[in-house]
Amino acid sequence: MNDEDAVRAAFHAINNAWLQRRAQDMREHLHPNVVMVQPGFESALRGREACIASYAEFREGATLYAYTATEPAVEVIGDAAVTHHRWTMRYEWAGQAFDEGGHEIFVFARVDGDWLAVWRTLTLEPPS
């Protein structure tokens, strides 16, 4: 498997884990010190356990009605890689309905031969 395919596989493993309510399954694809920046760069979650807990909390608390995502673009430069894709999601949280979309960006680093997510953020776009 070439580097681009390996990064894409790591991305899909992370994405499928939260979608399938198996957030713990993303553990092997997250760096222990991963940083997940909240939309708008208002705050950040730091560390693998905090990030996994955040994904799990969302899936436990939200009713997900629809989720779509484009295939991620992947750029590999040496031992670093960036993925980005467009997503849309319709869900309910605490009795309130949300229709959101935007872009998700991951930064991966090759660590001991494995591609691990080290940074991630979402951008939110106004509904169209």
C-alpha atoms as a PDB file:
ATOM      1  CA  MET A   1       0.000   0.000   0.000  1.00  0.00           C
ATOM      2  CA  ASN A   2       1.431   3.399  -0.917  1.00  0.00           C
ATOM      3  CA  ASP A   3       1.503   6.300   1.562  1.00  0.00           C
ATOM      4  CA  GLU A   4      -1.552   8.035   0.122  1.00  0.00           C
ATOM      5  CA  ASP A   5      -3.614   4.860   0.394  1.00  0.00           C
ATOM      6  CA  ALA A   6      -2.342   4.212   3.933  1.00  0.00           C
ATOM      7  CA  VAL A   7      -3.329   7.732   5.047  1.00  0.00           C
ATOM      8  CA  ARG A   8      -6.730   7.371   3.379  1.00  0.00           C
ATOM      9  CA  ALA A   9      -7.234   4.034   5.172  1.00  0.00           C
ATOM     10  CA  ALA A  10      -6.388   5.626   8.544  1.00  0.00           C
ATOM     11  CA  PHE A  11      -8.837   8.462   7.831  1.00  0.00           C
ATOM     12  CA  HIS A  12     -11.616   6.019   6.921  1.00  0.00           C
ATOM     13  CA  ALA A  13     -10.937   3.929  10.031  1.00  0.00           C
ATOM     14  CA  ILE A  14     -11.368   7.020  12.232  1.00  0.00           C
ATOM     15  CA  ASN A  15     -14.499   8.148  10.399  1.00  0.00           C
ATOM     16  CA  ASN A  16     -16.106   4.698  10.393  1.00  0.00           C
ATOM     17  CA  ALA A  17     -15.358   4.192  14.090  1.00  0.00           C
ATOM     18  CA  TRP A  18     -17.431   7.173  15.230  1.00  0.00           C
ATOM     19  CA  LEU A  19     -20.176   6.549  12.663  1.00  0.00           C
ATOM     20  CA  GLN A  20     -20.528   2.942  13.834  1.00  0.00           C
ATOM     21  CA  ARG A  21     -20.521   3.940  17.539  1.00  0.00           C
ATOM     22  CA  ARG A  22     -17.154   2.262  18.105  1.00  0.00           C
ATOM     23  CA  ALA A  23     -15.057   5.294  19.033  1.00  0.00           C
ATOM     24  CA  GLN A  24     -12.521   3.086  20.842  1.00  0.00           C
ATOM     25  CA  ASP A  25     -11.646   1.527  17.468  1.00  0.00           C
ATOM     26  CA  MET A  26     -10.005   4.791  16.371  1.00  0.00           C
ATOM     27  CA  ARG A  27      -7.408   4.533  19.150  1.00  0.00           C
ATOM     28  CA  GLU A  28      -4.735   2.914  16.970  1.00  0.00           C
ATOM     29  CA  HIS A  29      -5.059   5.734  14.410  1.00  0.00           C
ATOM     30  CA  LEU A  30      -4.724   8.666  16.844  1.00  0.00           C
ATOM     31  CA  HIS A  31      -1.427   9.959  18.206  1.00  0.00           C
ATOM     32  CA  PRO A  32      -1.392   9.966  22.037  1.00  0.00           C
ATOM     33  CA  ASN A  33      -1.050  13.786  21.927  1.00  0.00           C
ATOM     34  CA  VAL A  34      -3.539  14.446  19.118  1.00  0.00           C
ATOM     35  CA  VAL A  35      -5.177  17.899  19.132  1.00  0.00           C
ATOM     36  CA  MET A  36      -8.721  18.401  17.893  1.00  0.00           C
ATOM     37  CA  VAL A  37      -9.512  22.067  17.379  1.00  0.00           C
ATOM     38  CA  GLN A  38     -13.163  23.062  17.628  1.00  0.00           C
ATOM     39  CA  PRO A  39     -14.842  24.968  14.774  1.00  0.00           C
ATOM     40  CA  GLY A  40     -13.868  28.619  14.821  1.00  0.00           C
ATOM     41  CA  PHE A  41     -10.646  27.759  16.663  1.00  0.00           C
ATOM     42  CA  GLU A  42     -12.415  28.611  19.933  1.00  0.00           C
ATOM     43  CA  SER A  43     -10.978  25.717  21.929  1.00  0.00           C
ATOM     44  CA  ALA A  44      -9.218  22.397  21.540  1.00  0.00           C
ATOM     45  CA  LEU A  45      -9.300  18.892  22.915  1.00  0.00           C
ATOM     46  CA  ARG A  46      -5.872  17.509  23.693  1.00  0.00           C
ATOM     47  CA  GLY A  47      -4.924  13.877  23.910  1.00  0.00           C
ATOM     48  CA  ARG A  48      -6.219  10.639  22.467  1.00  0.00           C
ATOM     49  CA  GLU A  49      -8.523   9.800  25.398  1.00  0.00           C
ATOM     50  CA  ALA A  50     -10.244  13.212  25.354  1.00  0.00           C
ATOM     51  CA  CYS A  51     -10.795  12.993  21.605  1.00  0.00           C
ATOM     52  CA  ILE A  52     -12.188   9.466  21.736  1.00  0.00           C
ATOM     53  CA  ALA A  53     -14.489  10.496  24.590  1.00  0.00           C
ATOM     54  CA  SER A  54     -15.756  13.448  22.552  1.00  0.00           C
ATOM     55  CA  TYR A  55     -16.664  11.272  19.572  1.00  0.00           C
ATOM     56  CA  ALA A  56     -18.337   8.715  21.867  1.00  0.00           C
ATOM     57  CA  GLU A  57     -20.285  11.425  23.714  1.00  0.00           C
ATOM     58  CA  PHE A  58     -21.588  12.839  20.446  1.00  0.00           C
ATOM     59  CA  ARG A  59     -22.784   9.447  19.199  1.00  0.00           C
ATOM     60  CA  GLU A  60     -24.381   8.633  22.559  1.00  0.00           C
ATOM     61  CA  GLY A  61     -26.156  11.988  22.825  1.00  0.00           C
ATOM     62  CA  ALA A  62     -27.098  12.677  19.223  1.00  0.00           C
ATOM     63  CA  THR A  63     -29.610  11.042  16.958  1.00  0.00           C
ATOM     64  CA  LEU A  64     -27.908  10.985  13.576  1.00  0.00           C
ATOM     65  CA  TYR A  65     -30.390  11.190  10.707  1.00  0.00           C
ATOM     66  CA  ALA A  66     -28.032  11.712   7.776  1.00  0.00           C
ATOM     67  CA  TYR A  67     -24.311  11.985   7.136  1.00  0.00           C
ATOM     68  CA  THR A  68     -22.535  12.378   3.812  1.00  0.00           C
ATOM     69  CA  ALA A  69     -18.873  12.963   3.073  1.00  0.00           C
ATOM     70  CA  THR A  70     -16.838  13.273  -0.066  1.00  0.00           C
ATOM     71  CA  GLU A  71     -13.800  11.081  -0.556  1.00  0.00           C
ATOM     72  CA  PRO A  72     -10.903  12.875   1.141  1.00  0.00           C
ATOM     73  CA  ALA A  73      -8.171  14.551  -0.836  1.00  0.00           C
ATOM     74  CA  VAL A  74      -4.797  13.373   0.491  1.00  0.00           C
ATOM     75  CA  GLU A  75      -1.486  15.226   0.293  1.00  0.00           C
ATOM     76  CA  VAL A  76       1.622  13.391   1.506  1.00  0.00           C
ATOM     77  CA  ILE A  77       4.912  15.209   2.038  1.00  0.00           C
ATOM     78  CA  GLY A  78       7.598  13.052   3.590  1.00  0.00           C
ATOM     79  CA  ASP A  79       6.392  11.867   6.988  1.00  0.00           C
ATOM     80  CA  ALA A  80       3.443  14.293   7.108  1.00  0.00           C
ATOM     81  CA  ALA A  81       0.070  14.194   5.371  1.00  0.00           C
ATOM     82  CA  VAL A  82      -3.096  16.273   5.223  1.00  0.00           C
ATOM     83  CA  THR A  83      -6.586  15.082   4.356  1.00  0.00           C
ATOM     84  CA  HIS A  84      -9.602  17.261   3.720  1.00  0.00           C
ATOM     85  CA  HIS A  85     -13.137  16.555   2.644  1.00  0.00           C
ATOM     86  CA  ARG A  86     -16.598  18.102   2.579  1.00  0.00           C
ATOM     87  CA  TRP A  87     -19.286  16.748   4.884  1.00  0.00           C
ATOM     88  CA  THR A  88     -22.957  17.332   5.691  1.00  0.00           C
ATOM     89  CA  MET A  89     -24.874  16.057   8.665  1.00  0.00           C
ATOM     90  CA  ARG A  90     -28.436  16.185   9.969  1.00  0.00           C
ATOM     91  CA  TYR A  91     -28.860  15.281  13.630  1.00  0.00           C
ATOM     92  CA  GLU A  92     -30.739  16.006  16.830  1.00  0.00           C
ATOM     93  CA  TRP A  93     -29.069  16.947  20.103  1.00  0.00           C
ATOM     94  CA  ALA A  94     -30.966  17.664  23.315  1.00  0.00           C
ATOM     95  CA  GLY A  95     -34.231  17.973  21.402  1.00  0.00           C
ATOM     96  CA  GLN A  96     -32.841  20.485  18.896  1.00  0.00           C
ATOM     97  CA  ALA A  97     -32.400  19.675  15.188  1.00  0.00           C
ATOM     98  CA  PHE A  98     -29.209  20.614  13.364  1.00  0.00           C
ATOM     99  CA  ASP A  99     -28.408  20.680   9.652  1.00  0.00           C
ATOM    100  CA  GLU A 100     -24.672  21.332   9.319  1.00  0.00           C
ATOM    101  CA  GLY A 101     -21.945  21.040   6.744  1.00  0.00           C
ATOM    102  CA  GLY A 102     -18.429  22.152   6.064  1.00  0.00           C
ATOM    103  CA  HIS A 103     -14.945  20.749   5.691  1.00  0.00           C
ATOM    104  CA  GLU A 104     -12.904  18.480   7.927  1.00  0.00           C
ATOM    105  CA  ILE A 105      -9.126  18.663   7.908  1.00  0.00           C
ATOM    106  CA  PHE A 106      -6.789  16.092   9.449  1.00  0.00           C
ATOM    107  CA  VAL A 107      -3.016  16.227   9.743  1.00  0.00           C
ATOM    108  CA  PHE A 108      -1.279  12.852   9.973  1.00  0.00           C
ATOM    109  CA  ALA A 109       2.303  11.992  10.894  1.00  0.00           C
ATOM    110  CA  ARG A 110       4.176   8.791  10.163  1.00  0.00           C
ATOM    111  CA  VAL A 111       5.206   7.359  13.533  1.00  0.00           C
ATOM    112  CA  ASP A 112       7.156   4.094  13.597  1.00  0.00           C
ATOM    113  CA  GLY A 113       5.748   3.257  10.157  1.00  0.00           C
ATOM    114  CA  ASP A 114       2.100   3.993  11.032  1.00  0.00           C
ATOM    115  CA  TRP A 115       0.082   7.019   9.944  1.00  0.00           C
ATOM    116  CA  LEU A 116      -1.433   8.657  13.047  1.00  0.00           C
ATOM    117  CA  ALA A 117      -3.762  11.653  13.209  1.00  0.00           C
ATOM    118  CA  VAL A 118      -2.007  14.443  15.106  1.00  0.00           C
ATOM    119  CA  TRP A 119      -4.390  17.378  14.444  1.00  0.00           C
ATOM    120  CA  ARG A 120      -7.960  17.863  13.248  1.00  0.00           C
ATOM    121  CA  THR A 121     -10.494  20.621  12.820  1.00  0.00           C
ATOM    122  CA  LEU A 122     -13.875  21.268  11.214  1.00  0.00           C
ATOM    123  CA  THR A 123     -15.101  24.314   9.393  1.00  0.00           C
ATOM    124  CA  LEU A 124     -18.815  25.038   9.463  1.00  0.00           C
ATOM    125  CA  GLU A 125     -20.596  26.600   6.529  1.00  0.00           C
ATOM    126  CA  PRO A 126     -24.026  28.224   6.531  1.00  0.00           C
ATOM    127  CA  PRO A 127     -26.765  25.864   5.307  1.00  0.00           C
ATOM    128  CA  SER A 128     -27.396  26.232   1.575  1.00  0.00           C
END
